[in-house]
Amino acid sequence: VLGNDPGLLVQVSESLVNLKFSRDNETEADKYSVIYLCPTKFKSDGAAAFFQKMQSLGSVNPPQFLSTHPNPDNRVKAIEDEAAGLNCSGGNIQVSEDKDGYAAFKASLP
């Protein structure tokens, strides 16, 4: 089917390239969540727990190359690696445990 329509092949190729950019943006956001939370009282790798919970609930994920988001396993590892690489030893409070403190933290961001 794709071989008969070169325009369709170009569209599919462009879509796959754009998905890669979306995944890169998500990966960058995960990294900065750790960077911003590392010096606070909050768990710098707390986002990893979210993805682990989604997986435990049976979330179905398409192959990464077809998704706008990185694979959850990859996200968990990248988040945990970033926190370890920055030696984030501080906070162990989940954001949900201190909504007022988290609101103040968000207000302090650039």
PDB file of N, CA and C in Angstrom:
ATOM      1  N   VAL A   1       0.823  -1.201   0.000  1.00  0.00           N
ATOM      2  CA  VAL A   1       0.000   0.000   0.000  1.00  0.00           C
ATOM      3  C   VAL A   1       0.866   1.263   0.000  1.00  0.00           C
ATOM      4  N   LEU A   2       1.881   1.334   0.883  1.00  0.00           N
ATOM      5  CA  LEU A   2       2.736   2.520   0.930  1.00  0.00           C
ATOM      6  C   LEU A   2       3.573   2.668  -0.335  1.00  0.00           C
ATOM      7  N   GLY A   3       3.948   1.545  -0.944  1.00  0.00           N
ATOM      8  CA  GLY A   3       4.771   1.596  -2.142  1.00  0.00           C
ATOM      9  C   GLY A   3       4.070   2.243  -3.315  1.00  0.00           C
ATOM     10  N   ASN A   4       2.763   2.224  -3.337  1.00  0.00           N
ATOM     11  CA  ASN A   4       2.004   2.808  -4.432  1.00  0.00           C
ATOM     12  C   ASN A   4       1.779   4.298  -4.277  1.00  0.00           C
ATOM     13  N   ASP A   5       2.042   4.834  -3.117  1.00  0.00           N
ATOM     14  CA  ASP A   5       1.783   6.261  -2.866  1.00  0.00           C
ATOM     15  C   ASP A   5       2.983   6.870  -2.153  1.00  0.00           C
ATOM     16  N   PRO A   6       3.944   7.411  -2.910  1.00  0.00           N
ATOM     17  CA  PRO A   6       5.132   7.984  -2.274  1.00  0.00           C
ATOM     18  C   PRO A   6       4.795   9.135  -1.328  1.00  0.00           C
ATOM     19  N   GLY A   7       3.726   9.861  -1.601  1.00  0.00           N
ATOM     20  CA  GLY A   7       3.323  10.957  -0.713  1.00  0.00           C
ATOM     21  C   GLY A   7       2.931  10.439   0.657  1.00  0.00           C
ATOM     22  N   LEU A   8       2.264   9.297   0.700  1.00  0.00           N
ATOM     23  CA  LEU A   8       1.868   8.694   1.969  1.00  0.00           C
ATOM     24  C   LEU A   8       3.105   8.229   2.744  1.00  0.00           C
ATOM     25  N   LEU A   9       4.074   7.684   2.037  1.00  0.00           N
ATOM     26  CA  LEU A   9       5.312   7.251   2.671  1.00  0.00           C
ATOM     27  C   LEU A   9       6.033   8.445   3.304  1.00  0.00           C
ATOM     28  N   VAL A  10       6.044   9.562   2.619  1.00  0.00           N
ATOM     29  CA  VAL A  10       6.663  10.784   3.161  1.00  0.00           C
ATOM     30  C   VAL A  10       5.909  11.231   4.409  1.00  0.00           C
ATOM     31  N   GLN A  11       4.589  11.199   4.376  1.00  0.00           N
ATOM     32  CA  GLN A  11       3.792  11.606   5.538  1.00  0.00           C
ATOM     33  C   GLN A  11       4.070  10.708   6.740  1.00  0.00           C
ATOM     34  N   VAL A  12       4.118   9.401   6.515  1.00  0.00           N
ATOM     35  CA  VAL A  12       4.392   8.464   7.608  1.00  0.00           C
ATOM     36  C   VAL A  12       5.781   8.725   8.173  1.00  0.00           C
ATOM     37  N   SER A  13       6.756   8.917   7.304  1.00  0.00           N
ATOM     38  CA  SER A  13       8.130   9.189   7.750  1.00  0.00           C
ATOM     39  C   SER A  13       8.197  10.463   8.578  1.00  0.00           C
ATOM     40  N   GLU A  14       7.542  11.510   8.120  1.00  0.00           N
ATOM     41  CA  GLU A  14       7.534  12.777   8.862  1.00  0.00           C
ATOM     42  C   GLU A  14       6.871  12.613  10.221  1.00  0.00           C
ATOM     43  N   SER A  15       5.796  11.848  10.261  1.00  0.00           N
ATOM     44  CA  SER A  15       5.101  11.609  11.529  1.00  0.00           C
ATOM     45  C   SER A  15       6.004  10.899  12.521  1.00  0.00           C
ATOM     46  N   LEU A  16       6.732   9.890  12.063  1.00  0.00           N
ATOM     47  CA  LEU A  16       7.635   9.158  12.952  1.00  0.00           C
ATOM     48  C   LEU A  16       8.754  10.058  13.461  1.00  0.00           C
ATOM     49  N   VAL A  17       9.273  10.939  12.614  1.00  0.00           N
ATOM     50  CA  VAL A  17      10.308  11.886  13.046  1.00  0.00           C
ATOM     51  C   VAL A  17       9.742  12.828  14.104  1.00  0.00           C
ATOM     52  N   ASN A  18       8.517  13.310  13.900  1.00  0.00           N
ATOM     53  CA  ASN A  18       7.903  14.212  14.872  1.00  0.00           C
ATOM     54  C   ASN A  18       7.648  13.521  16.204  1.00  0.00           C
ATOM     55  N   LEU A  19       7.326  12.232  16.179  1.00  0.00           N
ATOM     56  CA  LEU A  19       7.153  11.496  17.427  1.00  0.00           C
ATOM     57  C   LEU A  19       8.452  11.475  18.217  1.00  0.00           C
ATOM     58  N   LYS A  20       9.566  11.352  17.524  1.00  0.00           N
ATOM     59  CA  LYS A  20      10.870  11.357  18.184  1.00  0.00           C
ATOM     60  C   LYS A  20      11.100  12.678  18.914  1.00  0.00           C
ATOM     61  N   PHE A  21      10.717  13.789  18.273  1.00  0.00           N
ATOM     62  CA  PHE A  21      10.861  15.092  18.937  1.00  0.00           C
ATOM     63  C   PHE A  21       9.984  15.165  20.178  1.00  0.00           C
ATOM     64  N   SER A  22       8.765  14.637  20.106  1.00  0.00           N
ATOM     65  CA  SER A  22       7.876  14.627  21.265  1.00  0.00           C
ATOM     66  C   SER A  22       8.484  13.810  22.396  1.00  0.00           C
ATOM     67  N   ARG A  23       9.037  12.654  22.070  1.00  0.00           N
ATOM     68  CA  ARG A  23       9.680  11.818  23.096  1.00  0.00           C
ATOM     69  C   ARG A  23      10.871  12.540  23.709  1.00  0.00           C
ATOM     70  N   ASP A  24      11.648  13.221  22.875  1.00  0.00           N
ATOM     71  CA  ASP A  24      12.792  13.978  23.395  1.00  0.00           C
ATOM     72  C   ASP A  24      12.331  15.064  24.362  1.00  0.00           C
ATOM     73  N   ASN A  25      11.233  15.731  24.040  1.00  0.00           N
ATOM     74  CA  ASN A  25      10.699  16.767  24.927  1.00  0.00           C
ATOM     75  C   ASN A  25      10.247  16.172  26.257  1.00  0.00           C
ATOM     76  N   GLU A  26       9.600  15.018  26.209  1.00  0.00           N
ATOM     77  CA  GLU A  26       9.165  14.344  27.434  1.00  0.00           C
ATOM     78  C   GLU A  26      10.369  13.932  28.283  1.00  0.00           C
ATOM     79  N   THR A  27      11.397  13.425  27.635  1.00  0.00           N
ATOM     80  CA  THR A  27      12.613  13.016  28.343  1.00  0.00           C
ATOM     81  C   THR A  27      13.266  14.220  29.011  1.00  0.00           C
ATOM     82  N   GLU A  28      13.306  15.336  28.297  1.00  0.00           N
ATOM     83  CA  GLU A  28      13.878  16.557  28.869  1.00  0.00           C
ATOM     84  C   GLU A  28      13.054  17.028  30.063  1.00  0.00           C
ATOM     85  N   ALA A  29      11.746  16.960  29.963  1.00  0.00           N
ATOM     86  CA  ALA A  29      10.884  17.371  31.076  1.00  0.00           C
ATOM     87  C   ALA A  29      11.140  16.494  32.304  1.00  0.00           C
ATOM     88  N   ASP A  30      11.284  15.189  32.093  1.00  0.00           N
ATOM     89  CA  ASP A  30      11.584  14.290  33.207  1.00  0.00           C
ATOM     90  C   ASP A  30      12.902  14.677  33.870  1.00  0.00           C
ATOM     91  N   LYS A  31      13.902  14.964  33.052  1.00  0.00           N
ATOM     92  CA  LYS A  31      15.219  15.341  33.572  1.00  0.00           C
ATOM     93  C   LYS A  31      15.117  16.604  34.428  1.00  0.00           C
ATOM     94  N   TYR A  32      14.407  17.603  33.918  1.00  0.00           N
ATOM     95  CA  TYR A  32      14.304  18.854  34.666  1.00  0.00           C
ATOM     96  C   TYR A  32      13.450  18.714  35.913  1.00  0.00           C
ATOM     97  N   SER A  33      12.525  17.772  35.933  1.00  0.00           N
ATOM     98  CA  SER A  33      11.769  17.555  37.169  1.00  0.00           C
ATOM     99  C   SER A  33      12.715  17.108  38.275  1.00  0.00           C
ATOM    100  N   VAL A  34      13.691  16.273  37.931  1.00  0.00           N
ATOM    101  CA  VAL A  34      14.680  15.823  38.920  1.00  0.00           C
ATOM    102  C   VAL A  34      15.592  16.978  39.318  1.00  0.00           C
ATOM    103  N   ILE A  35      16.065  17.724  38.339  1.00  0.00           N
ATOM    104  CA  ILE A  35      16.979  18.838  38.619  1.00  0.00           C
ATOM    105  C   ILE A  35      16.331  19.858  39.552  1.00  0.00           C
ATOM    106  N   TYR A  36      15.078  20.215  39.273  1.00  0.00           N
ATOM    107  CA  TYR A  36      14.402  21.210  40.095  1.00  0.00           C
ATOM    108  C   TYR A  36      14.062  20.684  41.489  1.00  0.00           C
ATOM    109  N   LEU A  37      13.710  19.399  41.581  1.00  0.00           N
ATOM    110  CA  LEU A  37      13.306  18.856  42.877  1.00  0.00           C
ATOM    111  C   LEU A  37      14.476  18.400  43.739  1.00  0.00           C
ATOM    112  N   CYS A  38      15.625  18.166  43.150  1.00  0.00           N
ATOM    113  CA  CYS A  38      16.771  17.628  43.877  1.00  0.00           C
ATOM    114  C   CYS A  38      17.113  18.422  45.145  1.00  0.00           C
ATOM    115  N   PRO A  39      17.196  19.738  45.096  1.00  0.00           N
ATOM    116  CA  PRO A  39      17.587  20.462  46.311  1.00  0.00           C
ATOM    117  C   PRO A  39      16.418  20.755  47.270  1.00  0.00           C
ATOM    118  N   THR A  40      15.251  20.186  47.015  1.00  0.00           N
ATOM    119  CA  THR A  40      14.085  20.465  47.863  1.00  0.00           C
ATOM    120  C   THR A  40      13.813  19.306  48.811  1.00  0.00           C
ATOM    121  N   LYS A  41      12.762  19.466  49.597  1.00  0.00           N
ATOM    122  CA  LYS A  41      12.351  18.400  50.517  1.00  0.00           C
ATOM    123  C   LYS A  41      11.524  17.322  49.820  1.00  0.00           C
ATOM    124  N   PHE A  42      11.232  17.533  48.531  1.00  0.00           N
ATOM    125  CA  PHE A  42      10.412  16.579  47.793  1.00  0.00           C
ATOM    126  C   PHE A  42      11.272  15.506  47.145  1.00  0.00           C
ATOM    127  N   LYS A  43      10.670  14.344  46.897  1.00  0.00           N
ATOM    128  CA  LYS A  43      11.380  13.242  46.229  1.00  0.00           C
ATOM    129  C   LYS A  43      11.741  13.668  44.814  1.00  0.00           C
ATOM    130  N   SER A  44      13.016  13.740  44.532  1.00  0.00           N
ATOM    131  CA  SER A  44      13.450  14.197  43.215  1.00  0.00           C
ATOM    132  C   SER A  44      13.109  13.185  42.124  1.00  0.00           C
ATOM    133  N   ASP A  45      13.003  11.917  42.492  1.00  0.00           N
ATOM    134  CA  ASP A  45      12.655  10.895  41.507  1.00  0.00           C
ATOM    135  C   ASP A  45      11.209  10.420  41.677  1.00  0.00           C
ATOM    136  N   GLY A  46      10.396  11.262  42.252  1.00  0.00           N
ATOM    137  CA  GLY A  46       8.999  10.905  42.494  1.00  0.00           C
ATOM    138  C   GLY A  46       8.219  10.568  41.240  1.00  0.00           C
ATOM    139  N   ALA A  47       8.587  11.163  40.116  1.00  0.00           N
ATOM    140  CA  ALA A  47       7.875  10.875  38.869  1.00  0.00           C
ATOM    141  C   ALA A  47       8.035   9.413  38.476  1.00  0.00           C
ATOM    142  N   ALA A  48       9.140   8.798  38.851  1.00  0.00           N
ATOM    143  CA  ALA A  48       9.352   7.387  38.524  1.00  0.00           C
ATOM    144  C   ALA A  48       8.259   6.532  39.166  1.00  0.00           C
ATOM    145  N   ALA A  49       7.863   6.876  40.377  1.00  0.00           N
ATOM    146  CA  ALA A  49       6.809   6.113  41.063  1.00  0.00           C
ATOM    147  C   ALA A  49       5.488   6.191  40.297  1.00  0.00           C
ATOM    148  N   PHE A  50       5.223   7.335  39.681  1.00  0.00           N
ATOM    149  CA  PHE A  50       4.005   7.481  38.872  1.00  0.00           C
ATOM    150  C   PHE A  50       4.011   6.474  37.728  1.00  0.00           C
ATOM    151  N   PHE A  51       5.128   6.391  37.012  1.00  0.00           N
ATOM    152  CA  PHE A  51       5.197   5.482  35.873  1.00  0.00           C
ATOM    153  C   PHE A  51       5.173   4.024  36.319  1.00  0.00           C
ATOM    154  N   GLN A  52       5.773   3.733  37.473  1.00  0.00           N
ATOM    155  CA  GLN A  52       5.716   2.378  38.006  1.00  0.00           C
ATOM    156  C   GLN A  52       4.277   2.007  38.370  1.00  0.00           C
ATOM    157  N   LYS A  53       3.554   2.961  38.932  1.00  0.00           N
ATOM    158  CA  LYS A  53       2.158   2.695  39.297  1.00  0.00           C
ATOM    159  C   LYS A  53       1.311   2.453  38.046  1.00  0.00           C
ATOM    160  N   MET A  54       1.533   3.268  37.015  1.00  0.00           N
ATOM    161  CA  MET A  54       0.793   3.067  35.766  1.00  0.00           C
ATOM    162  C   MET A  54       1.039   1.672  35.208  1.00  0.00           C
ATOM    163  N   GLN A  55       2.267   1.224  35.270  1.00  0.00           N
ATOM    164  CA  GLN A  55       2.591  -0.109  34.773  1.00  0.00           C
ATOM    165  C   GLN A  55       1.933  -1.189  35.622  1.00  0.00           C
ATOM    166  N   SER A  56       1.916  -0.994  36.931  1.00  0.00           N
ATOM    167  CA  SER A  56       1.316  -1.996  37.812  1.00  0.00           C
ATOM    168  C   SER A  56      -0.200  -2.085  37.611  1.00  0.00           C
ATOM    169  N   LEU A  57      -0.794  -1.001  37.110  1.00  0.00           N
ATOM    170  CA  LEU A  57      -2.233  -1.003  36.842  1.00  0.00           C
ATOM    171  C   LEU A  57      -2.557  -1.601  35.473  1.00  0.00           C
ATOM    172  N   GLY A  58      -1.505  -2.032  34.773  1.00  0.00           N
ATOM    173  CA  GLY A  58      -1.712  -2.698  33.493  1.00  0.00           C
ATOM    174  C   GLY A  58      -1.808  -1.768  32.309  1.00  0.00           C
ATOM    175  N   SER A  59      -1.211  -0.605  32.415  1.00  0.00           N
ATOM    176  CA  SER A  59      -1.210   0.333  31.297  1.00  0.00           C
ATOM    177  C   SER A  59      -0.576  -0.321  30.077  1.00  0.00           C
ATOM    178  N   VAL A  60      -1.261  -0.211  28.933  1.00  0.00           N
ATOM    179  CA  VAL A  60      -0.759  -0.776  27.687  1.00  0.00           C
ATOM    180  C   VAL A  60      -0.066   0.330  26.903  1.00  0.00           C
ATOM    181  N   ASN A  61       1.129   0.043  26.442  1.00  0.00           N
ATOM    182  CA  ASN A  61       1.907   1.047  25.717  1.00  0.00           C
ATOM    183  C   ASN A  61       2.263   0.534  24.331  1.00  0.00           C
ATOM    184  N   PRO A  62       2.117   1.395  23.330  1.00  0.00           N
ATOM    185  CA  PRO A  62       2.560   0.989  21.992  1.00  0.00           C
ATOM    186  C   PRO A  62       4.082   0.943  21.960  1.00  0.00           C
ATOM    187  N   PRO A  63       4.655   0.359  20.918  1.00  0.00           N
ATOM    188  CA  PRO A  63       6.112   0.410  20.794  1.00  0.00           C
ATOM    189  C   PRO A  63       6.575   1.863  20.830  1.00  0.00           C
ATOM    190  N   GLN A  64       7.720   2.104  21.456  1.00  0.00           N
ATOM    191  CA  GLN A  64       8.176   3.489  21.663  1.00  0.00           C
ATOM    192  C   GLN A  64       8.255   4.269  20.363  1.00  0.00           C
ATOM    193  N   PHE A  65       8.680   3.640  19.268  1.00  0.00           N
ATOM    194  CA  PHE A  65       8.834   4.398  18.024  1.00  0.00           C
ATOM    195  C   PHE A  65       7.503   4.886  17.470  1.00  0.00           C
ATOM    196  N   LEU A  66       6.388   4.361  17.978  1.00  0.00           N
ATOM    197  CA  LEU A  66       5.063   4.816  17.543  1.00  0.00           C
ATOM    198  C   LEU A  66       4.392   5.721  18.573  1.00  0.00           C
ATOM    199  N   SER A  67       5.080   6.067  19.614  1.00  0.00           N
ATOM    200  CA  SER A  67       4.486   6.816  20.710  1.00  0.00           C
ATOM    201  C   SER A  67       5.063   8.226  20.811  1.00  0.00           C
ATOM    202  N   THR A  68       4.241   9.137  21.352  1.00  0.00           N
ATOM    203  CA  THR A  68       4.725  10.496  21.627  1.00  0.00           C
ATOM    204  C   THR A  68       5.506  10.536  22.932  1.00  0.00           C
ATOM    205  N   HIS A  69       5.440   9.468  23.720  1.00  0.00           N
ATOM    206  CA  HIS A  69       6.103   9.425  25.019  1.00  0.00           C
ATOM    207  C   HIS A  69       7.131   8.306  25.050  1.00  0.00           C
ATOM    208  N   PRO A  70       8.201   8.498  25.814  1.00  0.00           N
ATOM    209  CA  PRO A  70       9.165   7.413  25.984  1.00  0.00           C
ATOM    210  C   PRO A  70       8.505   6.223  26.688  1.00  0.00           C
ATOM    211  N   ASN A  71       9.055   5.056  26.500  1.00  0.00           N
ATOM    212  CA  ASN A  71       8.574   3.865  27.180  1.00  0.00           C
ATOM    213  C   ASN A  71       8.663   4.085  28.685  1.00  0.00           C
ATOM    214  N   PRO A  72       7.622   3.720  29.461  1.00  0.00           N
ATOM    215  CA  PRO A  72       7.661   3.949  30.912  1.00  0.00           C
ATOM    216  C   PRO A  72       8.863   3.316  31.605  1.00  0.00           C
ATOM    217  N   ASP A  73       9.271   2.113  31.168  1.00  0.00           N
ATOM    218  CA  ASP A  73      10.466   1.498  31.778  1.00  0.00           C
ATOM    219  C   ASP A  73      11.687   2.383  31.579  1.00  0.00           C
ATOM    220  N   ASN A  74      11.817   2.922  30.369  1.00  0.00           N
ATOM    221  CA  ASN A  74      12.942   3.803  30.077  1.00  0.00           C
ATOM    222  C   ASN A  74      12.861   5.082  30.901  1.00  0.00           C
ATOM    223  N   ARG A  75      11.640   5.592  31.097  1.00  0.00           N
ATOM    224  CA  ARG A  75      11.481   6.823  31.878  1.00  0.00           C
ATOM    225  C   ARG A  75      11.865   6.599  33.328  1.00  0.00           C
ATOM    226  N   VAL A  76      11.417   5.487  33.898  1.00  0.00           N
ATOM    227  CA  VAL A  76      11.747   5.184  35.298  1.00  0.00           C
ATOM    228  C   VAL A  76      13.255   5.124  35.461  1.00  0.00           C
ATOM    229  N   LYS A  77      13.924   4.394  34.597  1.00  0.00           N
ATOM    230  CA  LYS A  77      15.384   4.256  34.693  1.00  0.00           C
ATOM    231  C   LYS A  77      16.069   5.606  34.517  1.00  0.00           C
ATOM    232  N   ALA A  78      15.649   6.387  33.530  1.00  0.00           N
ATOM    233  CA  ALA A  78      16.280   7.691  33.275  1.00  0.00           C
ATOM    234  C   ALA A  78      16.083   8.630  34.465  1.00  0.00           C
ATOM    235  N   ILE A  79      14.903   8.638  35.042  1.00  0.00           N
ATOM    236  CA  ILE A  79      14.622   9.506  36.198  1.00  0.00           C
ATOM    237  C   ILE A  79      15.475   9.079  37.392  1.00  0.00           C
ATOM    238  N   GLU A  80      15.502   7.787  37.660  1.00  0.00           N
ATOM    239  CA  GLU A  80      16.303   7.292  38.783  1.00  0.00           C
ATOM    240  C   GLU A  80      17.792   7.528  38.553  1.00  0.00           C
ATOM    241  N   ASP A  81      18.254   7.331  37.317  1.00  0.00           N
ATOM    242  CA  ASP A  81      19.666   7.583  37.002  1.00  0.00           C
ATOM    243  C   ASP A  81      20.025   9.057  37.170  1.00  0.00           C
ATOM    244  N   GLU A  82      19.127   9.947  36.747  1.00  0.00           N
ATOM    245  CA  GLU A  82      19.377  11.386  36.887  1.00  0.00           C
ATOM    246  C   GLU A  82      19.491  11.757  38.363  1.00  0.00           C
ATOM    247  N   ALA A  83      18.585  11.245  39.184  1.00  0.00           N
ATOM    248  CA  ALA A  83      18.624  11.538  40.620  1.00  0.00           C
ATOM    249  C   ALA A  83      19.906  10.994  41.248  1.00  0.00           C
ATOM    250  N   ALA A  84      20.312   9.800  40.858  1.00  0.00           N
ATOM    251  CA  ALA A  84      21.548   9.221  41.385  1.00  0.00           C
ATOM    252  C   ALA A  84      22.763  10.018  40.908  1.00  0.00           C
ATOM    253  N   GLY A  85      22.748  10.419  39.642  1.00  0.00           N
ATOM    254  CA  GLY A  85      23.862  11.178  39.087  1.00  0.00           C
ATOM    255  C   GLY A  85      24.039  12.540  39.747  1.00  0.00           C
ATOM    256  N   LEU A  86      22.949  13.109  40.217  1.00  0.00           N
ATOM    257  CA  LEU A  86      23.014  14.408  40.895  1.00  0.00           C
ATOM    258  C   LEU A  86      23.178  14.252  42.407  1.00  0.00           C
ATOM    259  N   ASN A  87      23.292  13.013  42.857  1.00  0.00           N
ATOM    260  CA  ASN A  87      23.404  12.717  44.291  1.00  0.00           C
ATOM    261  C   ASN A  87      22.267  13.332  45.094  1.00  0.00           C
ATOM    262  N   CYS A  88      21.066  13.216  44.574  1.00  0.00           N
ATOM    263  CA  CYS A  88      19.896  13.744  45.277  1.00  0.00           C
ATOM    264  C   CYS A  88      19.594  12.852  46.468  1.00  0.00           C
ATOM    265  N   SER A  89      19.920  13.327  47.631  1.00  0.00           N
ATOM    266  CA  SER A  89      19.690  12.536  48.828  1.00  0.00           C
ATOM    267  C   SER A  89      18.645  13.185  49.724  1.00  0.00           C
ATOM    268  N   GLY A  90      18.268  14.385  49.363  1.00  0.00           N
ATOM    269  CA  GLY A  90      17.382  15.187  50.203  1.00  0.00           C
ATOM    270  C   GLY A  90      16.018  14.611  50.449  1.00  0.00           C
ATOM    271  N   GLY A  91      15.052  15.227  49.849  1.00  0.00           N
ATOM    272  CA  GLY A  91      13.672  14.984  50.206  1.00  0.00           C
ATOM    273  C   GLY A  91      13.161  13.581  50.000  1.00  0.00           C
ATOM    274  N   ASN A  92      12.234  13.242  50.844  1.00  0.00           N
ATOM    275  CA  ASN A  92      11.534  11.986  50.699  1.00  0.00           C
ATOM    276  C   ASN A  92      10.027  12.193  50.803  1.00  0.00           C
ATOM    277  N   ILE A  93       9.613  13.447  50.686  1.00  0.00           N
ATOM    278  CA  ILE A  93       8.193  13.785  50.783  1.00  0.00           C
ATOM    279  C   ILE A  93       7.590  13.744  49.388  1.00  0.00           C
ATOM    280  N   GLN A  94       6.492  13.038  49.253  1.00  0.00           N
ATOM    281  CA  GLN A  94       5.756  13.057  47.991  1.00  0.00           C
ATOM    282  C   GLN A  94       5.025  14.395  47.895  1.00  0.00           C
ATOM    283  N   VAL A  95       4.920  14.913  46.705  1.00  0.00           N
ATOM    284  CA  VAL A  95       4.253  16.201  46.486  1.00  0.00           C
ATOM    285  C   VAL A  95       2.849  16.175  47.072  1.00  0.00           C
ATOM    286  N   SER A  96       2.148  15.055  46.931  1.00  0.00           N
ATOM    287  CA  SER A  96       0.771  14.954  47.415  1.00  0.00           C
ATOM    288  C   SER A  96       0.671  15.091  48.931  1.00  0.00           C
ATOM    289  N   GLU A  97       1.783  14.937  49.639  1.00  0.00           N
ATOM    290  CA  GLU A  97       1.781  15.036  51.099  1.00  0.00           C
ATOM    291  C   GLU A  97       1.916  16.473  51.590  1.00  0.00           C
ATOM    292  N   ASP A  98       2.303  17.403  50.739  1.00  0.00           N
ATOM    293  CA  ASP A  98       2.531  18.789  51.149  1.00  0.00           C
ATOM    294  C   ASP A  98       2.116  19.731  50.020  1.00  0.00           C
ATOM    295  N   LYS A  99       0.822  19.849  49.820  1.00  0.00           N
ATOM    296  CA  LYS A  99       0.316  20.649  48.701  1.00  0.00           C
ATOM    297  C   LYS A  99       0.681  22.131  48.841  1.00  0.00           C
ATOM    298  N   ASP A 100       0.644  22.669  50.049  1.00  0.00           N
ATOM    299  CA  ASP A 100       1.005  24.081  50.235  1.00  0.00           C
ATOM    300  C   ASP A 100       2.485  24.320  49.946  1.00  0.00           C
ATOM    301  N   GLY A 101       3.334  23.421  50.441  1.00  0.00           N
ATOM    302  CA  GLY A 101       4.771  23.543  50.183  1.00  0.00           C
ATOM    303  C   GLY A 101       5.075  23.409  48.703  1.00  0.00           C
ATOM    304  N   TYR A 102       4.349  22.527  48.032  1.00  0.00           N
ATOM    305  CA  TYR A 102       4.575  22.351  46.602  1.00  0.00           C
ATOM    306  C   TYR A 102       4.105  23.583  45.827  1.00  0.00           C
ATOM    307  N   ALA A 103       3.013  24.186  46.244  1.00  0.00           N
ATOM    308  CA  ALA A 103       2.529  25.405  45.580  1.00  0.00           C
ATOM    309  C   ALA A 103       3.577  26.519  45.707  1.00  0.00           C
ATOM    310  N   ALA A 104       4.191  26.621  46.879  1.00  0.00           N
ATOM    311  CA  ALA A 104       5.239  27.636  47.085  1.00  0.00           C
ATOM    312  C   ALA A 104       6.452  27.316  46.218  1.00  0.00           C
ATOM    313  N   PHE A 105       6.794  26.036  46.115  1.00  0.00           N
ATOM    314  CA  PHE A 105       7.922  25.633  45.265  1.00  0.00           C
ATOM    315  C   PHE A 105       7.641  25.995  43.806  1.00  0.00           C
ATOM    316  N   LYS A 106       6.460  25.692  43.301  1.00  0.00           N
ATOM    317  CA  LYS A 106       6.120  26.006  41.924  1.00  0.00           C
ATOM    318  C   LYS A 106       6.204  27.506  41.675  1.00  0.00           C
ATOM    319  N   ALA A 107       5.746  28.296  42.628  1.00  0.00           N
ATOM    320  CA  ALA A 107       5.783  29.753  42.484  1.00  0.00           C
ATOM    321  C   ALA A 107       7.224  30.274  42.427  1.00  0.00           C
ATOM    322  N   SER A 108       8.170  29.518  42.982  1.00  0.00           N
ATOM    323  CA  SER A 108       9.569  29.978  42.993  1.00  0.00           C
ATOM    324  C   SER A 108      10.313  29.665  41.705  1.00  0.00           C
ATOM    325  N   LEU A 109       9.729  28.852  40.827  1.00  0.00           N
ATOM    326  CA  LEU A 109      10.413  28.462  39.581  1.00  0.00           C
ATOM    327  C   LEU A 109      10.439  29.610  38.590  1.00  0.00           C
ATOM    328  N   PRO A 110      11.493  29.620  37.751  1.00  0.00           N
ATOM    329  CA  PRO A 110      11.589  30.687  36.741  1.00  0.00           C
ATOM    330  C   PRO A 110      10.501  30.576  35.681  1.00  0.00           C
TER     331      PRO A 110
END
